[in-house]
Amino acid sequence: MEVKNANAAMLSNYEVFKLLTDLKEKRKDTVKNKNSAGQQNLNTIMYETLKYLSKTPCSRQNPEIVKEFLTTMKPHKLTKAEKLQLLNQRPQTAVEIQLMVEESEERLSEEQIEELIHTVADVLPGDPEQENAAPADAEMEEAVQQS
């Protein structure tokens, strides 16, 4: 295997999702040699990846949201890789932030971590599965409290 582009960059989950979705649409139009082993393997990988990514918050992101997120992250002085992890994982707790940001105890105060959590929650759309489960969890808690 040879390196075709030494300047390759990291992609966000949104970019991969968008790329595969566009590729899938293009491939619908061109139906040639779908039965070859290589094409079947590629189709399986695309299907499984899209299936996974469609269940994550990236399926609800768009270029404007990503740009706004990166703009709001500038004052935090995070590395590109850390911003990418925050964008992809959408952390909701201080522990998750500490796992994603290297040496977070030294670099970030508790207030900054809370600010990051609020920024992520405000700017990035939530996980569709968690949002659907949240009302059910709230109803469950109410039922337990009433008994």
C-alpha atoms as a PDB file:
ATOM      1  CA  MET A   1       0.000   0.000   0.000  1.00  0.00           C
ATOM      2  CA  GLU A   2       1.305   3.466  -0.825  1.00  0.00           C
ATOM      3  CA  VAL A   3       0.529   6.830   0.715  1.00  0.00           C
ATOM      4  CA  LYS A   4      -1.377   8.868  -1.840  1.00  0.00           C
ATOM      5  CA  ASN A   5      -1.715  12.065   0.155  1.00  0.00           C
ATOM      6  CA  ALA A   6       0.704  12.734   2.985  1.00  0.00           C
ATOM      7  CA  ASN A   7      -1.316  15.819   3.946  1.00  0.00           C
ATOM      8  CA  ALA A   8      -4.453  13.876   4.773  1.00  0.00           C
ATOM      9  CA  ALA A   9      -6.490  15.238   7.665  1.00  0.00           C
ATOM     10  CA  MET A  10      -8.721  13.758  10.322  1.00  0.00           C
ATOM     11  CA  LEU A  11     -12.422  13.626   9.472  1.00  0.00           C
ATOM     12  CA  SER A  12     -15.305  14.162  11.840  1.00  0.00           C
ATOM     13  CA  ASN A  13     -18.070  11.578  12.081  1.00  0.00           C
ATOM     14  CA  TYR A  14     -20.340  14.099  10.337  1.00  0.00           C
ATOM     15  CA  GLU A  15     -17.956  14.348   7.367  1.00  0.00           C
ATOM     16  CA  VAL A  16     -17.742  10.553   7.060  1.00  0.00           C
ATOM     17  CA  PHE A  17     -21.532  10.249   7.352  1.00  0.00           C
ATOM     18  CA  LYS A  18     -22.071  12.914   4.677  1.00  0.00           C
ATOM     19  CA  LEU A  19     -19.442  11.397   2.365  1.00  0.00           C
ATOM     20  CA  LEU A  20     -20.921   7.894   2.608  1.00  0.00           C
ATOM     21  CA  THR A  21     -24.481   9.172   2.204  1.00  0.00           C
ATOM     22  CA  ASP A  22     -23.502  11.081  -0.950  1.00  0.00           C
ATOM     23  CA  LEU A  23     -21.550   8.095  -2.280  1.00  0.00           C
ATOM     24  CA  LYS A  24     -24.524   5.817  -1.648  1.00  0.00           C
ATOM     25  CA  GLU A  25     -26.785   8.164  -3.634  1.00  0.00           C
ATOM     26  CA  LYS A  26     -24.324   8.277  -6.549  1.00  0.00           C
ATOM     27  CA  ARG A  27     -23.969   4.507  -6.530  1.00  0.00           C
ATOM     28  CA  LYS A  28     -27.744   4.064  -6.814  1.00  0.00           C
ATOM     29  CA  ASP A  29     -27.597   5.693 -10.235  1.00  0.00           C
ATOM     30  CA  THR A  30     -24.727   3.577 -11.542  1.00  0.00           C
ATOM     31  CA  VAL A  31     -25.597  -0.091 -11.273  1.00  0.00           C
ATOM     32  CA  LYS A  32     -22.625  -1.880 -12.767  1.00  0.00           C
ATOM     33  CA  ASN A  33     -20.962  -5.023 -11.506  1.00  0.00           C
ATOM     34  CA  LYS A  34     -22.624  -4.961  -8.068  1.00  0.00           C
ATOM     35  CA  ASN A  35     -22.062  -8.667  -7.611  1.00  0.00           C
ATOM     36  CA  SER A  36     -18.264  -8.707  -7.549  1.00  0.00           C
ATOM     37  CA  ALA A  37     -16.715  -9.675  -4.208  1.00  0.00           C
ATOM     38  CA  GLY A  38     -15.000  -6.308  -3.803  1.00  0.00           C
ATOM     39  CA  GLN A  39     -18.223  -4.409  -4.429  1.00  0.00           C
ATOM     40  CA  GLN A  40     -20.140  -6.582  -1.975  1.00  0.00           C
ATOM     41  CA  ASN A  41     -17.506  -5.964   0.694  1.00  0.00           C
ATOM     42  CA  LEU A  42     -17.584  -2.220   0.026  1.00  0.00           C
ATOM     43  CA  ASN A  43     -21.388  -2.200   0.169  1.00  0.00           C
ATOM     44  CA  THR A  44     -21.318  -4.064   3.494  1.00  0.00           C
ATOM     45  CA  ILE A  45     -18.792  -1.652   5.006  1.00  0.00           C
ATOM     46  CA  MET A  46     -20.785   1.354   3.803  1.00  0.00           C
ATOM     47  CA  TYR A  47     -24.036  -0.120   5.127  1.00  0.00           C
ATOM     48  CA  GLU A  48     -22.630  -0.977   8.557  1.00  0.00           C
ATOM     49  CA  THR A  49     -20.883   2.388   8.920  1.00  0.00           C
ATOM     50  CA  LEU A  50     -23.984   4.349   7.910  1.00  0.00           C
ATOM     51  CA  LYS A  51     -26.125   2.215  10.203  1.00  0.00           C
ATOM     52  CA  TYR A  52     -23.838   3.007  13.147  1.00  0.00           C
ATOM     53  CA  LEU A  53     -23.409   6.718  12.352  1.00  0.00           C
ATOM     54  CA  SER A  54     -27.144   7.236  11.817  1.00  0.00           C
ATOM     55  CA  LYS A  55     -27.652   6.374  15.499  1.00  0.00           C
ATOM     56  CA  THR A  56     -25.157   9.009  16.666  1.00  0.00           C
ATOM     57  CA  PRO A  57     -25.538  12.790  16.973  1.00  0.00           C
ATOM     58  CA  CYS A  58     -23.514  13.342  13.780  1.00  0.00           C
ATOM     59  CA  SER A  59     -26.547  12.329  11.713  1.00  0.00           C
ATOM     60  CA  ARG A  60     -28.248  15.533  12.886  1.00  0.00           C
ATOM     61  CA  GLN A  61     -25.290  17.860  12.349  1.00  0.00           C
ATOM     62  CA  ASN A  62     -24.718  20.144   9.389  1.00  0.00           C
ATOM     63  CA  PRO A  63     -21.828  22.362   8.225  1.00  0.00           C
ATOM     64  CA  GLU A  64     -23.229  25.417  10.030  1.00  0.00           C
ATOM     65  CA  ILE A  65     -23.420  23.574  13.357  1.00  0.00           C
ATOM     66  CA  VAL A  66     -19.868  22.250  12.964  1.00  0.00           C
ATOM     67  CA  LYS A  67     -18.569  25.731  12.087  1.00  0.00           C
ATOM     68  CA  GLU A  68     -20.395  27.309  15.038  1.00  0.00           C
ATOM     69  CA  PHE A  69     -19.035  24.628  17.370  1.00  0.00           C
ATOM     70  CA  LEU A  70     -15.452  25.164  16.222  1.00  0.00           C
ATOM     71  CA  THR A  71     -15.862  28.934  16.567  1.00  0.00           C
ATOM     72  CA  THR A  72     -17.128  28.623  20.133  1.00  0.00           C
ATOM     73  CA  MET A  73     -14.236  26.288  20.986  1.00  0.00           C
ATOM     74  CA  LYS A  74     -11.490  28.781  20.023  1.00  0.00           C
ATOM     75  CA  PRO A  75     -11.198  30.444  23.471  1.00  0.00           C
ATOM     76  CA  HIS A  76     -10.679  27.051  25.150  1.00  0.00           C
ATOM     77  CA  LYS A  77      -7.272  26.457  23.539  1.00  0.00           C
ATOM     78  CA  LEU A  78      -7.905  22.799  22.754  1.00  0.00           C
ATOM     79  CA  THR A  79      -5.978  20.791  20.168  1.00  0.00           C
ATOM     80  CA  LYS A  80      -7.575  19.836  16.862  1.00  0.00           C
ATOM     81  CA  ALA A  81      -7.821  16.219  18.002  1.00  0.00           C
ATOM     82  CA  GLU A  82      -9.551  17.238  21.250  1.00  0.00           C
ATOM     83  CA  LYS A  83     -12.060  19.414  19.383  1.00  0.00           C
ATOM     84  CA  LEU A  84     -12.714  16.548  17.009  1.00  0.00           C
ATOM     85  CA  GLN A  85     -13.363  14.161  19.904  1.00  0.00           C
ATOM     86  CA  LEU A  86     -15.754  16.646  21.512  1.00  0.00           C
ATOM     87  CA  LEU A  87     -17.551  17.078  18.196  1.00  0.00           C
ATOM     88  CA  ASN A  88     -17.808  13.339  17.572  1.00  0.00           C
ATOM     89  CA  GLN A  89     -18.596  12.136  21.092  1.00  0.00           C
ATOM     90  CA  ARG A  90     -20.708  15.045  22.414  1.00  0.00           C
ATOM     91  CA  PRO A  91     -19.679  14.654  26.083  1.00  0.00           C
ATOM     92  CA  GLN A  92     -22.274  15.402  28.740  1.00  0.00           C
ATOM     93  CA  THR A  93     -20.276  15.019  31.950  1.00  0.00           C
ATOM     94  CA  ALA A  94     -17.029  16.334  33.413  1.00  0.00           C
ATOM     95  CA  VAL A  95     -15.619  12.799  33.449  1.00  0.00           C
ATOM     96  CA  GLU A  96     -16.157  12.445  29.699  1.00  0.00           C
ATOM     97  CA  ILE A  97     -14.401  15.784  29.104  1.00  0.00           C
ATOM     98  CA  GLN A  98     -11.484  14.705  31.291  1.00  0.00           C
ATOM     99  CA  LEU A  99     -11.126  11.545  29.216  1.00  0.00           C
ATOM    100  CA  MET A 100     -11.034  13.497  25.962  1.00  0.00           C
ATOM    101  CA  VAL A 101      -8.883  16.473  26.959  1.00  0.00           C
ATOM    102  CA  GLU A 102      -5.291  15.574  27.736  1.00  0.00           C
ATOM    103  CA  GLU A 103      -4.102  16.837  31.130  1.00  0.00           C
ATOM    104  CA  SER A 104      -7.492  18.479  31.657  1.00  0.00           C
ATOM    105  CA  GLU A 105      -6.893  18.869  35.403  1.00  0.00           C
ATOM    106  CA  GLU A 106      -3.957  21.201  34.730  1.00  0.00           C
ATOM    107  CA  ARG A 107      -5.333  22.923  31.644  1.00  0.00           C
ATOM    108  CA  LEU A 108      -8.976  23.483  32.584  1.00  0.00           C
ATOM    109  CA  SER A 109     -10.698  24.758  35.700  1.00  0.00           C
ATOM    110  CA  GLU A 110     -13.988  23.280  36.891  1.00  0.00           C
ATOM    111  CA  GLU A 111     -15.772  26.356  35.540  1.00  0.00           C
ATOM    112  CA  GLN A 112     -14.185  25.864  32.110  1.00  0.00           C
ATOM    113  CA  ILE A 113     -15.224  22.206  32.086  1.00  0.00           C
ATOM    114  CA  GLU A 114     -18.803  23.201  32.965  1.00  0.00           C
ATOM    115  CA  GLU A 115     -18.679  25.843  30.220  1.00  0.00           C
ATOM    116  CA  LEU A 116     -17.514  23.184  27.733  1.00  0.00           C
ATOM    117  CA  ILE A 117     -20.383  20.894  28.744  1.00  0.00           C
ATOM    118  CA  HIS A 118     -22.910  23.718  28.297  1.00  0.00           C
ATOM    119  CA  THR A 119     -21.402  24.737  24.952  1.00  0.00           C
ATOM    120  CA  VAL A 120     -21.540  21.166  23.658  1.00  0.00           C
ATOM    121  CA  ALA A 121     -25.137  20.766  24.852  1.00  0.00           C
ATOM    122  CA  ASP A 122     -26.225  24.124  23.392  1.00  0.00           C
ATOM    123  CA  VAL A 123     -24.491  23.968  20.017  1.00  0.00           C
ATOM    124  CA  LEU A 124     -24.454  20.292  19.050  1.00  0.00           C
ATOM    125  CA  PRO A 125     -27.696  18.395  18.449  1.00  0.00           C
ATOM    126  CA  GLY A 126     -28.305  15.521  20.841  1.00  0.00           C
ATOM    127  CA  ASP A 127     -28.267  11.789  20.321  1.00  0.00           C
ATOM    128  CA  PRO A 128     -31.622  10.752  18.796  1.00  0.00           C
ATOM    129  CA  GLU A 129     -31.748   7.528  20.838  1.00  0.00           C
ATOM    130  CA  GLN A 130     -30.989   9.283  24.132  1.00  0.00           C
ATOM    131  CA  GLU A 131     -33.548  12.007  23.471  1.00  0.00           C
ATOM    132  CA  ASN A 132     -36.211   9.377  22.774  1.00  0.00           C
ATOM    133  CA  ALA A 133     -35.233   7.521  25.943  1.00  0.00           C
ATOM    134  CA  ALA A 134     -35.153  10.655  28.118  1.00  0.00           C
ATOM    135  CA  PRO A 135     -38.964  11.123  28.305  1.00  0.00           C
ATOM    136  CA  ALA A 136     -39.354   7.455  29.207  1.00  0.00           C
ATOM    137  CA  ASP A 137     -36.737   7.819  31.968  1.00  0.00           C
ATOM    138  CA  ALA A 138     -38.507  10.904  33.335  1.00  0.00           C
ATOM    139  CA  GLU A 139     -41.839   9.059  33.380  1.00  0.00           C
ATOM    140  CA  MET A 140     -40.184   6.150  35.169  1.00  0.00           C
ATOM    141  CA  GLU A 141     -38.741   8.476  37.833  1.00  0.00           C
ATOM    142  CA  GLU A 142     -42.139  10.116  38.370  1.00  0.00           C
ATOM    143  CA  ALA A 143     -43.794   6.722  38.794  1.00  0.00           C
ATOM    144  CA  VAL A 144     -41.177   5.661  41.354  1.00  0.00           C
ATOM    145  CA  GLN A 145     -41.522   8.945  43.286  1.00  0.00           C
ATOM    146  CA  GLN A 146     -45.309   8.693  43.386  1.00  0.00           C
ATOM    147  CA  SER A 147     -45.266   5.169  44.842  1.00  0.00           C
END
